[in-house]
Amino acid sequence: MRRRGDRVPRPQPPAPEPPFDVWGTIAHWRAQGRRFVLLTVVESRGFTPQKPGRHMLVADTGETAGTIGGGAIELACVAEARGLLKSNEATRMLKKQLTTELGMCCGGEMVVHLETLEALPRLFVFGAGHVARPLASLAATTGFGVTVVDARPEWLTAERFPAAARELRDPEAAARELELTADDSVVVTTHDHALDQRVVQELLKHELRFTGVIGSLAKQRKFALRLKARGFEDEAIARMRTPVGLAIGAQTPEEIAVSIVAELVAVRRGAAPERGWVPPVRVRAHGVAESTSQTSSSDRESLSKGGRP
């Protein structure tokens, strides 16, 4: 029987058969959140230990899978892969004459392409309501490693979230205790306004890649005012992307999930639209209210709640 606080890990691809199952290892390592380099023989001339099309992997831990021929050429490529992982480069090309440069007997020449494969970007979904279910599914299919956090075991089930890790615990405690990084994304969509507020207060202590909060424009204004009253600066409040999701006229949970994942992908790809916190309405001296151009329906908030209207 699962108890509150239990963590159910994300379903993992089956462990590959060592040491030559390159494609199985790619899926396994990415699911584990590891960085590694994919090496591919792209050209060969003369006598070489491997021909074009052969692959090898080198992890940031030094672990390898597959082979491009062994010997001095493989040692040189492994060293190059480790250097690539420490750099800001995404790819490199290594060309070696096996006899004159490496002292091998083959006498040929090989060209190897190296490409860094990053770990899956992490997405934490706080709340397991109606929007969270399609959100977790769609985010997983678009390349996110998804974790859903909720304290309600009847909502946080394997049937509802087959492609996500599940944290059965209080979302506020999780937001406070998780080791979040600047590469992580979060979406807050719990079943309770006050809980949303407490979760957001914990999350805004971190500079994350994406901090989304589902809800209406009225909720956004209230949250902003409360955050300022608790000492949060405008810069921190501006990291709160709410109402979350691109303005596509979404109404159903599935459509809302599409709008949120579209915004997540935009941020990941560096093409983020102008969203996030809009300052509360202020009254001008002559009594006319200043308003913002951002609009949202409270329907998307109510749909996120676990069975609540």
C-alpha atoms as a PDB file:
ATOM      1  CA  MET A   1       0.000   0.000   0.000  1.00  0.00           C
ATOM      2  CA  ARG A   2       1.368   3.368  -0.970  1.00  0.00           C
ATOM      3  CA  ARG A   3       1.761   5.968   1.740  1.00  0.00           C
ATOM      4  CA  ARG A   4       1.958   9.716   1.490  1.00  0.00           C
ATOM      5  CA  GLY A   5       5.505  10.770   0.720  1.00  0.00           C
ATOM      6  CA  ASP A   6       6.195   7.732  -1.467  1.00  0.00           C
ATOM      7  CA  ARG A   7       7.779   8.381  -4.830  1.00  0.00           C
ATOM      8  CA  VAL A   8       6.946   6.210  -7.796  1.00  0.00           C
ATOM      9  CA  PRO A   9       9.680   6.623 -10.413  1.00  0.00           C
ATOM     10  CA  ARG A  10       8.966   7.287 -14.057  1.00  0.00           C
ATOM     11  CA  PRO A  11       8.552   4.062 -16.046  1.00  0.00           C
ATOM     12  CA  GLN A  12      11.992   3.183 -17.406  1.00  0.00           C
ATOM     13  CA  PRO A  13      12.886   1.596 -20.727  1.00  0.00           C
ATOM     14  CA  PRO A  14      14.220  -1.926 -20.176  1.00  0.00           C
ATOM     15  CA  ALA A  15      17.913  -2.058 -19.386  1.00  0.00           C
ATOM     16  CA  PRO A  16      19.869  -2.672 -22.595  1.00  0.00           C
ATOM     17  CA  GLU A  17      22.044  -5.690 -23.167  1.00  0.00           C
ATOM     18  CA  PRO A  18      25.612  -4.539 -22.478  1.00  0.00           C
ATOM     19  CA  PRO A  19      27.771  -3.438 -24.045  1.00  0.00           C
ATOM     20  CA  PHE A  20      26.687  -3.051 -27.671  1.00  0.00           C
ATOM     21  CA  ASP A  21      22.963  -2.137 -27.650  1.00  0.00           C
ATOM     22  CA  VAL A  22      23.492   1.531 -28.534  1.00  0.00           C
ATOM     23  CA  TRP A  23      19.872   2.453 -29.278  1.00  0.00           C
ATOM     24  CA  GLY A  24      18.519   0.765 -26.168  1.00  0.00           C
ATOM     25  CA  THR A  25      21.195   2.487 -24.108  1.00  0.00           C
ATOM     26  CA  ILE A  26      20.249   5.906 -25.521  1.00  0.00           C
ATOM     27  CA  ALA A  27      16.657   5.505 -24.305  1.00  0.00           C
ATOM     28  CA  HIS A  28      17.830   4.125 -20.952  1.00  0.00           C
ATOM     29  CA  TRP A  29      20.377   6.865 -20.279  1.00  0.00           C
ATOM     30  CA  ARG A  30      18.051   9.681 -21.316  1.00  0.00           C
ATOM     31  CA  ALA A  31      15.350   8.341 -19.001  1.00  0.00           C
ATOM     32  CA  GLN A  32      17.947   8.424 -16.212  1.00  0.00           C
ATOM     33  CA  GLY A  33      18.687  12.086 -16.927  1.00  0.00           C
ATOM     34  CA  ARG A  34      22.245  11.519 -18.127  1.00  0.00           C
ATOM     35  CA  ARG A  35      24.367  13.548 -20.574  1.00  0.00           C
ATOM     36  CA  PHE A  36      26.421  11.639 -23.104  1.00  0.00           C
ATOM     37  CA  VAL A  37      28.013  11.755 -26.533  1.00  0.00           C
ATOM     38  CA  LEU A  38      26.932   9.776 -29.588  1.00  0.00           C
ATOM     39  CA  LEU A  39      29.907   8.884 -31.820  1.00  0.00           C
ATOM     40  CA  THR A  40      29.271   7.842 -35.414  1.00  0.00           C
ATOM     41  CA  VAL A  41      31.786   6.674 -37.984  1.00  0.00           C
ATOM     42  CA  VAL A  42      30.915   8.794 -41.035  1.00  0.00           C
ATOM     43  CA  GLU A  43      33.879   8.056 -43.342  1.00  0.00           C
ATOM     44  CA  SER A  44      36.597   5.449 -43.678  1.00  0.00           C
ATOM     45  CA  ARG A  45      39.357   4.853 -46.198  1.00  0.00           C
ATOM     46  CA  GLY A  46      41.607   1.876 -46.523  1.00  0.00           C
ATOM     47  CA  PHE A  47      41.831  -0.744 -43.798  1.00  0.00           C
ATOM     48  CA  THR A  48      39.950   0.403 -40.694  1.00  0.00           C
ATOM     49  CA  PRO A  49      38.521  -1.491 -37.690  1.00  0.00           C
ATOM     50  CA  GLN A  50      34.984  -0.199 -38.407  1.00  0.00           C
ATOM     51  CA  LYS A  51      33.133   1.166 -41.408  1.00  0.00           C
ATOM     52  CA  PRO A  52      30.647   4.082 -41.697  1.00  0.00           C
ATOM     53  CA  GLY A  53      27.445   3.680 -39.738  1.00  0.00           C
ATOM     54  CA  ARG A  54      28.943   2.223 -36.571  1.00  0.00           C
ATOM     55  CA  HIS A  55      28.075   3.941 -33.283  1.00  0.00           C
ATOM     56  CA  MET A  56      29.347   4.313 -29.753  1.00  0.00           C
ATOM     57  CA  LEU A  57      28.214   6.190 -26.636  1.00  0.00           C
ATOM     58  CA  VAL A  58      30.332   7.891 -23.978  1.00  0.00           C
ATOM     59  CA  ALA A  59      28.568   9.081 -20.806  1.00  0.00           C
ATOM     60  CA  ASP A  60      29.634  11.938 -18.551  1.00  0.00           C
ATOM     61  CA  THR A  61      30.508   9.264 -15.986  1.00  0.00           C
ATOM     62  CA  GLY A  62      32.957   7.664 -18.425  1.00  0.00           C
ATOM     63  CA  GLU A  63      30.719   4.656 -19.081  1.00  0.00           C
ATOM     64  CA  THR A  64      30.543   3.518 -22.704  1.00  0.00           C
ATOM     65  CA  ALA A  65      28.275   1.440 -24.933  1.00  0.00           C
ATOM     66  CA  GLY A  66      28.939   0.172 -28.434  1.00  0.00           C
ATOM     67  CA  THR A  67      32.284   0.376 -30.209  1.00  0.00           C
ATOM     68  CA  ILE A  68      33.894   2.085 -33.157  1.00  0.00           C
ATOM     69  CA  GLY A  69      36.700  -0.447 -33.392  1.00  0.00           C
ATOM     70  CA  GLY A  70      38.673  -0.440 -30.181  1.00  0.00           C
ATOM     71  CA  GLY A  71      42.366   0.318 -29.901  1.00  0.00           C
ATOM     72  CA  ALA A  72      43.981   3.722 -30.251  1.00  0.00           C
ATOM     73  CA  ILE A  73      41.243   5.219 -32.437  1.00  0.00           C
ATOM     74  CA  GLU A  74      38.598   4.422 -29.834  1.00  0.00           C
ATOM     75  CA  LEU A  75      40.755   5.799 -27.025  1.00  0.00           C
ATOM     76  CA  ALA A  76      41.247   9.025 -28.990  1.00  0.00           C
ATOM     77  CA  CYS A  77      37.526   9.327 -29.636  1.00  0.00           C
ATOM     78  CA  VAL A  78      36.629   8.700 -25.985  1.00  0.00           C
ATOM     79  CA  ALA A  79      39.034  11.454 -24.924  1.00  0.00           C
ATOM     80  CA  GLU A  80      37.502  13.770 -27.526  1.00  0.00           C
ATOM     81  CA  ALA A  81      34.001  12.918 -26.267  1.00  0.00           C
ATOM     82  CA  ARG A  82      34.939  13.771 -22.688  1.00  0.00           C
ATOM     83  CA  GLY A  83      36.336  17.080 -23.878  1.00  0.00           C
ATOM     84  CA  LEU A  84      33.125  17.783 -25.773  1.00  0.00           C
ATOM     85  CA  LEU A  85      31.029  17.177 -22.650  1.00  0.00           C
ATOM     86  CA  LYS A  86      33.097  19.735 -20.742  1.00  0.00           C
ATOM     87  CA  SER A  87      32.755  22.357 -23.489  1.00  0.00           C
ATOM     88  CA  ASN A  88      29.874  24.504 -24.708  1.00  0.00           C
ATOM     89  CA  GLU A  89      29.976  22.842 -28.115  1.00  0.00           C
ATOM     90  CA  ALA A  90      27.259  20.534 -29.383  1.00  0.00           C
ATOM     91  CA  THR A  91      29.244  18.647 -32.032  1.00  0.00           C
ATOM     92  CA  ARG A  92      32.775  17.907 -33.173  1.00  0.00           C
ATOM     93  CA  MET A  93      34.382  16.034 -36.040  1.00  0.00           C
ATOM     94  CA  LEU A  94      37.495  13.921 -35.493  1.00  0.00           C
ATOM     95  CA  LYS A  95      39.644  12.777 -38.419  1.00  0.00           C
ATOM     96  CA  LYS A  96      42.575  10.419 -37.816  1.00  0.00           C
ATOM     97  CA  GLN A  97      45.126   8.603 -39.972  1.00  0.00           C
ATOM     98  CA  LEU A  98      45.449   5.359 -38.082  1.00  0.00           C
ATOM     99  CA  THR A  99      49.113   4.566 -38.783  1.00  0.00           C
ATOM    100  CA  THR A 100      50.891   7.909 -38.890  1.00  0.00           C
ATOM    101  CA  GLU A 101      48.871   9.566 -36.122  1.00  0.00           C
ATOM    102  CA  LEU A 102      47.924   6.685 -33.858  1.00  0.00           C
ATOM    103  CA  GLY A 103      50.518   3.969 -34.566  1.00  0.00           C
ATOM    104  CA  MET A 104      47.911   1.394 -35.566  1.00  0.00           C
ATOM    105  CA  CYS A 105      48.695  -1.298 -38.126  1.00  0.00           C
ATOM    106  CA  CYS A 106      45.486  -0.825 -40.122  1.00  0.00           C
ATOM    107  CA  GLY A 107      46.894   1.947 -42.303  1.00  0.00           C
ATOM    108  CA  GLY A 108      43.527   3.516 -43.089  1.00  0.00           C
ATOM    109  CA  GLU A 109      41.751   6.723 -42.145  1.00  0.00           C
ATOM    110  CA  MET A 110      38.581   7.291 -40.142  1.00  0.00           C
ATOM    111  CA  VAL A 111      36.293  10.287 -39.649  1.00  0.00           C
ATOM    112  CA  VAL A 112      34.072  10.221 -36.564  1.00  0.00           C
ATOM    113  CA  HIS A 113      31.219  12.630 -35.801  1.00  0.00           C
ATOM    114  CA  LEU A 114      30.550  13.401 -32.121  1.00  0.00           C
ATOM    115  CA  GLU A 115      27.264  14.851 -30.864  1.00  0.00           C
ATOM    116  CA  THR A 116      26.233  15.709 -27.314  1.00  0.00           C
ATOM    117  CA  LEU A 117      22.839  14.335 -26.262  1.00  0.00           C
ATOM    118  CA  GLU A 118      21.426  16.173 -23.280  1.00  0.00           C
ATOM    119  CA  ALA A 119      19.286  14.722 -20.515  1.00  0.00           C
ATOM    120  CA  LEU A 120      15.543  15.127 -20.891  1.00  0.00           C
ATOM    121  CA  PRO A 121      14.435  18.519 -19.525  1.00  0.00           C
ATOM    122  CA  ARG A 122      12.488  18.041 -16.289  1.00  0.00           C
ATOM    123  CA  LEU A 123       8.905  19.198 -15.848  1.00  0.00           C
ATOM    124  CA  PHE A 124       7.221  19.105 -12.424  1.00  0.00           C
ATOM    125  CA  VAL A 125       3.422  19.293 -12.435  1.00  0.00           C
ATOM    126  CA  PHE A 126       1.981  20.239  -9.036  1.00  0.00           C
ATOM    127  CA  GLY A 127      -1.533  18.831  -8.884  1.00  0.00           C
ATOM    128  CA  ALA A 128      -3.054  15.741 -10.510  1.00  0.00           C
ATOM    129  CA  GLY A 129      -6.352  17.196 -11.716  1.00  0.00           C
ATOM    130  CA  HIS A 130      -8.118  17.106 -15.069  1.00  0.00           C
ATOM    131  CA  VAL A 131      -5.615  19.288 -16.926  1.00  0.00           C
ATOM    132  CA  ALA A 132      -2.595  17.609 -15.341  1.00  0.00           C
ATOM    133  CA  ARG A 133      -3.432  14.261 -16.915  1.00  0.00           C
ATOM    134  CA  PRO A 134      -3.234  15.306 -20.610  1.00  0.00           C
ATOM    135  CA  LEU A 135      -0.508  17.803 -19.739  1.00  0.00           C
ATOM    136  CA  ALA A 136       1.764  15.070 -18.363  1.00  0.00           C
ATOM    137  CA  SER A 137       1.055  12.784 -21.302  1.00  0.00           C
ATOM    138  CA  LEU A 138       1.642  15.400 -23.993  1.00  0.00           C
ATOM    139  CA  ALA A 139       4.736  16.819 -22.278  1.00  0.00           C
ATOM    140  CA  ALA A 140       6.258  13.334 -22.102  1.00  0.00           C
ATOM    141  CA  THR A 141       5.707  12.785 -25.829  1.00  0.00           C
ATOM    142  CA  THR A 142       7.384  16.125 -26.623  1.00  0.00           C
ATOM    143  CA  GLY A 143      10.597  15.289 -24.797  1.00  0.00           C
ATOM    144  CA  PHE A 144      10.093  16.243 -21.153  1.00  0.00           C
ATOM    145  CA  GLY A 145      10.830  14.030 -18.180  1.00  0.00           C
ATOM    146  CA  VAL A 146       7.607  14.556 -16.211  1.00  0.00           C
ATOM    147  CA  THR A 147       6.970  14.252 -12.471  1.00  0.00           C
ATOM    148  CA  VAL A 148       3.475  14.807 -11.052  1.00  0.00           C
ATOM    149  CA  VAL A 149       3.114  15.821  -7.402  1.00  0.00           C
ATOM    150  CA  ASP A 150      -0.100  15.396  -5.413  1.00  0.00           C
ATOM    151  CA  ALA A 151      -1.124  14.207  -1.950  1.00  0.00           C
ATOM    152  CA  ARG A 152      -4.268  12.414  -3.176  1.00  0.00           C
ATOM    153  CA  PRO A 153      -3.563   8.741  -3.987  1.00  0.00           C
ATOM    154  CA  GLU A 154      -6.895   8.286  -5.746  1.00  0.00           C
ATOM    155  CA  TRP A 155      -5.888  10.932  -8.308  1.00  0.00           C
ATOM    156  CA  LEU A 156      -2.182  10.145  -8.566  1.00  0.00           C
ATOM    157  CA  THR A 157      -2.396   6.673 -10.099  1.00  0.00           C
ATOM    158  CA  ALA A 158      -0.406   4.758 -12.694  1.00  0.00           C
ATOM    159  CA  GLU A 159      -3.524   4.512 -14.839  1.00  0.00           C
ATOM    160  CA  ARG A 160      -3.863   8.280 -15.003  1.00  0.00           C
ATOM    161  CA  PHE A 161      -0.124   9.023 -15.354  1.00  0.00           C
ATOM    162  CA  PRO A 162       1.538   6.054 -17.070  1.00  0.00           C
ATOM    163  CA  ALA A 163       4.423   8.074 -18.558  1.00  0.00           C
ATOM    164  CA  ALA A 164       5.298  10.169 -15.496  1.00  0.00           C
ATOM    165  CA  ALA A 165       7.057   9.762 -12.189  1.00  0.00           C
ATOM    166  CA  ARG A 166       4.634  10.259  -9.307  1.00  0.00           C
ATOM    167  CA  GLU A 167       5.355  12.000  -5.994  1.00  0.00           C
ATOM    168  CA  LEU A 168       2.645  11.178  -3.448  1.00  0.00           C
ATOM    169  CA  ARG A 169       3.242  14.053  -1.066  1.00  0.00           C
ATOM    170  CA  ASP A 170       2.087  17.514  -0.127  1.00  0.00           C
ATOM    171  CA  PRO A 171       2.837  19.847  -3.089  1.00  0.00           C
ATOM    172  CA  GLU A 172       3.963  22.678  -0.816  1.00  0.00           C
ATOM    173  CA  ALA A 173       6.480  20.431   0.942  1.00  0.00           C
ATOM    174  CA  ALA A 174       7.687  19.094  -2.391  1.00  0.00           C
ATOM    175  CA  ALA A 175       8.141  22.616  -3.785  1.00  0.00           C
ATOM    176  CA  ARG A 176      10.204  23.473  -0.720  1.00  0.00           C
ATOM    177  CA  GLU A 177      12.307  20.299  -0.650  1.00  0.00           C
ATOM    178  CA  LEU A 178      12.898  19.313  -4.284  1.00  0.00           C
ATOM    179  CA  GLU A 179      16.371  20.054  -5.625  1.00  0.00           C
ATOM    180  CA  LEU A 180      15.320  22.231  -8.543  1.00  0.00           C
ATOM    181  CA  THR A 181      17.746  23.680 -11.090  1.00  0.00           C
ATOM    182  CA  ALA A 182      17.685  26.543 -13.574  1.00  0.00           C
ATOM    183  CA  ASP A 183      16.941  24.020 -16.344  1.00  0.00           C
ATOM    184  CA  ASP A 184      13.732  22.760 -14.698  1.00  0.00           C
ATOM    185  CA  SER A 185      10.161  23.741 -15.557  1.00  0.00           C
ATOM    186  CA  VAL A 186       7.108  23.657 -13.292  1.00  0.00           C
ATOM    187  CA  VAL A 187       3.365  24.065 -13.766  1.00  0.00           C
ATOM    188  CA  VAL A 188       1.164  24.667 -10.725  1.00  0.00           C
ATOM    189  CA  THR A 189      -2.370  23.336 -11.085  1.00  0.00           C
ATOM    190  CA  THR A 190      -3.487  21.999  -7.702  1.00  0.00           C
ATOM    191  CA  HIS A 191      -7.063  21.614  -6.487  1.00  0.00           C
ATOM    192  CA  ASP A 192      -6.918  24.557  -4.092  1.00  0.00           C
ATOM    193  CA  HIS A 193      -6.211  28.298  -4.551  1.00  0.00           C
ATOM    194  CA  ALA A 194      -4.482  28.681  -1.204  1.00  0.00           C
ATOM    195  CA  LEU A 195      -2.277  25.665  -1.925  1.00  0.00           C
ATOM    196  CA  ASP A 196      -1.390  27.125  -5.330  1.00  0.00           C
ATOM    197  CA  GLN A 197      -0.312  30.311  -3.568  1.00  0.00           C
ATOM    198  CA  ARG A 198       1.901  28.474  -1.073  1.00  0.00           C
ATOM    199  CA  VAL A 199       3.488  26.350  -3.794  1.00  0.00           C
ATOM    200  CA  VAL A 200       4.205  29.434  -5.909  1.00  0.00           C
ATOM    201  CA  GLN A 201       5.826  31.186  -2.945  1.00  0.00           C
ATOM    202  CA  GLU A 202       8.278  28.307  -2.626  1.00  0.00           C
ATOM    203  CA  LEU A 203       8.943  28.014  -6.354  1.00  0.00           C
ATOM    204  CA  LEU A 204       9.656  31.712  -6.878  1.00  0.00           C
ATOM    205  CA  LYS A 205      12.641  31.357  -4.570  1.00  0.00           C
ATOM    206  CA  HIS A 206      14.297  29.598  -7.511  1.00  0.00           C
ATOM    207  CA  GLU A 207      15.134  30.994 -10.938  1.00  0.00           C
ATOM    208  CA  LEU A 208      13.662  28.201 -13.038  1.00  0.00           C
ATOM    209  CA  ARG A 209      13.379  27.928 -16.791  1.00  0.00           C
ATOM    210  CA  PHE A 210       9.572  28.032 -16.597  1.00  0.00           C
ATOM    211  CA  THR A 211       7.198  28.692 -13.685  1.00  0.00           C
ATOM    212  CA  GLY A 212       3.621  28.386 -14.917  1.00  0.00           C
ATOM    213  CA  VAL A 213       0.454  28.836 -12.860  1.00  0.00           C
ATOM    214  CA  ILE A 214      -2.964  27.947 -14.200  1.00  0.00           C
ATOM    215  CA  GLY A 215      -5.802  30.342 -13.481  1.00  0.00           C
ATOM    216  CA  SER A 216      -7.688  33.482 -14.357  1.00  0.00           C
ATOM    217  CA  LEU A 217      -6.437  37.029 -14.707  1.00  0.00           C
ATOM    218  CA  ALA A 218      -8.186  37.879 -11.411  1.00  0.00           C
ATOM    219  CA  LYS A 219      -6.215  35.118  -9.676  1.00  0.00           C
ATOM    220  CA  GLN A 220      -3.026  36.447 -11.226  1.00  0.00           C
ATOM    221  CA  ARG A 221      -3.668  39.902  -9.787  1.00  0.00           C
ATOM    222  CA  LYS A 222      -4.420  38.557  -6.307  1.00  0.00           C
ATOM    223  CA  PHE A 223      -1.326  36.370  -6.324  1.00  0.00           C
ATOM    224  CA  ALA A 224       0.872  39.282  -7.405  1.00  0.00           C
ATOM    225  CA  LEU A 225      -0.449  41.530  -4.643  1.00  0.00           C
ATOM    226  CA  ARG A 226      -0.028  38.837  -2.000  1.00  0.00           C
ATOM    227  CA  LEU A 227       3.493  38.049  -3.172  1.00  0.00           C
ATOM    228  CA  LYS A 228       4.474  41.711  -2.982  1.00  0.00           C
ATOM    229  CA  ALA A 229       3.001  41.895   0.516  1.00  0.00           C
ATOM    230  CA  ARG A 230       5.221  38.962   1.478  1.00  0.00           C
ATOM    231  CA  GLY A 231       8.322  40.765   0.270  1.00  0.00           C
ATOM    232  CA  PHE A 232       8.767  39.345  -3.222  1.00  0.00           C
ATOM    233  CA  GLU A 233      10.324  41.763  -5.690  1.00  0.00           C
ATOM    234  CA  ASP A 234       8.774  42.486  -9.087  1.00  0.00           C
ATOM    235  CA  GLU A 235      11.637  40.627 -10.769  1.00  0.00           C
ATOM    236  CA  ALA A 236      10.759  37.425  -8.907  1.00  0.00           C
ATOM    237  CA  ILE A 237       7.008  37.828  -9.441  1.00  0.00           C
ATOM    238  CA  ALA A 238       7.605  38.361 -13.161  1.00  0.00           C
ATOM    239  CA  ARG A 239       8.950  34.803 -13.403  1.00  0.00           C
ATOM    240  CA  MET A 240       5.401  33.581 -12.755  1.00  0.00           C
ATOM    241  CA  ARG A 241       3.896  32.807 -16.149  1.00  0.00           C
ATOM    242  CA  THR A 242       0.186  33.134 -15.560  1.00  0.00           C
ATOM    243  CA  PRO A 243      -2.369  32.612 -16.967  1.00  0.00           C
ATOM    244  CA  VAL A 244      -0.187  29.802 -18.302  1.00  0.00           C
ATOM    245  CA  GLY A 245      -0.582  28.571 -21.876  1.00  0.00           C
ATOM    246  CA  LEU A 246      -0.701  30.250 -25.254  1.00  0.00           C
ATOM    247  CA  ALA A 247      -3.890  32.097 -26.150  1.00  0.00           C
ATOM    248  CA  ILE A 248      -5.463  29.592 -28.558  1.00  0.00           C
ATOM    249  CA  GLY A 249      -9.020  29.765 -27.221  1.00  0.00           C
ATOM    250  CA  ALA A 250      -8.624  26.471 -25.338  1.00  0.00           C
ATOM    251  CA  GLN A 251     -11.630  25.202 -23.375  1.00  0.00           C
ATOM    252  CA  THR A 252     -11.282  21.471 -22.674  1.00  0.00           C
ATOM    253  CA  PRO A 253      -8.581  19.977 -20.428  1.00  0.00           C
ATOM    254  CA  GLU A 254      -6.894  18.514 -23.492  1.00  0.00           C
ATOM    255  CA  GLU A 255      -6.901  21.833 -25.345  1.00  0.00           C
ATOM    256  CA  ILE A 256      -5.573  23.647 -22.275  1.00  0.00           C
ATOM    257  CA  ALA A 257      -2.803  21.050 -22.023  1.00  0.00           C
ATOM    258  CA  VAL A 258      -1.904  21.722 -25.671  1.00  0.00           C
ATOM    259  CA  SER A 259      -1.679  25.460 -24.969  1.00  0.00           C
ATOM    260  CA  ILE A 260       0.585  24.893 -21.949  1.00  0.00           C
ATOM    261  CA  VAL A 261       2.893  22.437 -23.702  1.00  0.00           C
ATOM    262  CA  ALA A 262       3.124  24.819 -26.666  1.00  0.00           C
ATOM    263  CA  GLU A 263       4.400  27.519 -24.312  1.00  0.00           C
ATOM    264  CA  LEU A 264       6.793  25.081 -22.642  1.00  0.00           C
ATOM    265  CA  VAL A 265       8.236  24.084 -26.016  1.00  0.00           C
ATOM    266  CA  ALA A 266       8.527  27.738 -27.054  1.00  0.00           C
ATOM    267  CA  VAL A 267      10.556  28.503 -23.943  1.00  0.00           C
ATOM    268  CA  ARG A 268      12.708  25.410 -24.423  1.00  0.00           C
ATOM    269  CA  ARG A 269      13.447  26.385 -28.022  1.00  0.00           C
ATOM    270  CA  GLY A 270      14.218  30.003 -27.194  1.00  0.00           C
ATOM    271  CA  ALA A 271      11.123  31.406 -28.901  1.00  0.00           C
ATOM    272  CA  ALA A 272       9.102  32.293 -25.806  1.00  0.00           C
ATOM    273  CA  PRO A 273       6.167  34.636 -26.345  1.00  0.00           C
ATOM    274  CA  GLU A 274       5.745  37.615 -24.058  1.00  0.00           C
ATOM    275  CA  ARG A 275       3.862  36.142 -21.130  1.00  0.00           C
ATOM    276  CA  GLY A 276       4.145  36.091 -17.368  1.00  0.00           C
ATOM    277  CA  TRP A 277       3.157  38.490 -14.641  1.00  0.00           C
ATOM    278  CA  VAL A 278       1.266  41.654 -15.528  1.00  0.00           C
ATOM    279  CA  PRO A 279       1.283  44.335 -12.777  1.00  0.00           C
ATOM    280  CA  PRO A 280      -2.048  44.832 -10.996  1.00  0.00           C
ATOM    281  CA  VAL A 281      -4.387  47.529 -12.257  1.00  0.00           C
ATOM    282  CA  ARG A 282      -3.452  50.990 -10.990  1.00  0.00           C
ATOM    283  CA  VAL A 283      -5.763  53.998 -10.892  1.00  0.00           C
ATOM    284  CA  ARG A 284      -4.522  57.115 -12.621  1.00  0.00           C
ATOM    285  CA  ALA A 285      -4.829  60.519 -11.009  1.00  0.00           C
ATOM    286  CA  HIS A 286      -7.973  61.354 -12.993  1.00  0.00           C
ATOM    287  CA  GLY A 287      -9.674  58.127 -11.895  1.00  0.00           C
ATOM    288  CA  VAL A 288      -9.290  56.014 -15.054  1.00  0.00           C
ATOM    289  CA  ALA A 289      -8.045  52.488 -14.429  1.00  0.00           C
ATOM    290  CA  GLU A 290      -4.991  51.281 -16.306  1.00  0.00           C
ATOM    291  CA  SER A 291      -5.598  47.787 -17.641  1.00  0.00           C
ATOM    292  CA  THR A 292      -3.539  45.170 -19.422  1.00  0.00           C
ATOM    293  CA  SER A 293      -4.099  43.546 -22.784  1.00  0.00           C
ATOM    294  CA  GLN A 294      -3.760  40.022 -21.403  1.00  0.00           C
ATOM    295  CA  THR A 295      -7.023  38.147 -20.967  1.00  0.00           C
ATOM    296  CA  SER A 296      -7.924  34.698 -19.731  1.00  0.00           C
ATOM    297  CA  SER A 297     -10.999  32.721 -18.783  1.00  0.00           C
ATOM    298  CA  SER A 298     -11.490  31.336 -15.298  1.00  0.00           C
ATOM    299  CA  ASP A 299     -12.738  28.191 -17.051  1.00  0.00           C
ATOM    300  CA  ARG A 300      -9.180  26.956 -17.567  1.00  0.00           C
ATOM    301  CA  GLU A 301      -8.557  27.230 -13.831  1.00  0.00           C
ATOM    302  CA  SER A 302     -11.694  25.364 -12.818  1.00  0.00           C
ATOM    303  CA  LEU A 303     -10.898  22.568 -15.264  1.00  0.00           C
ATOM    304  CA  SER A 304      -7.527  22.049 -13.610  1.00  0.00           C
ATOM    305  CA  LYS A 305      -9.060  21.244 -10.254  1.00  0.00           C
ATOM    306  CA  GLY A 306      -9.474  17.680  -9.206  1.00  0.00           C
ATOM    307  CA  GLY A 307     -13.205  17.339  -9.553  1.00  0.00           C
ATOM    308  CA  ARG A 308     -13.958  20.865  -8.340  1.00  0.00           C
ATOM    309  CA  PRO A 309     -16.067  23.240 -10.467  1.00  0.00           C
END
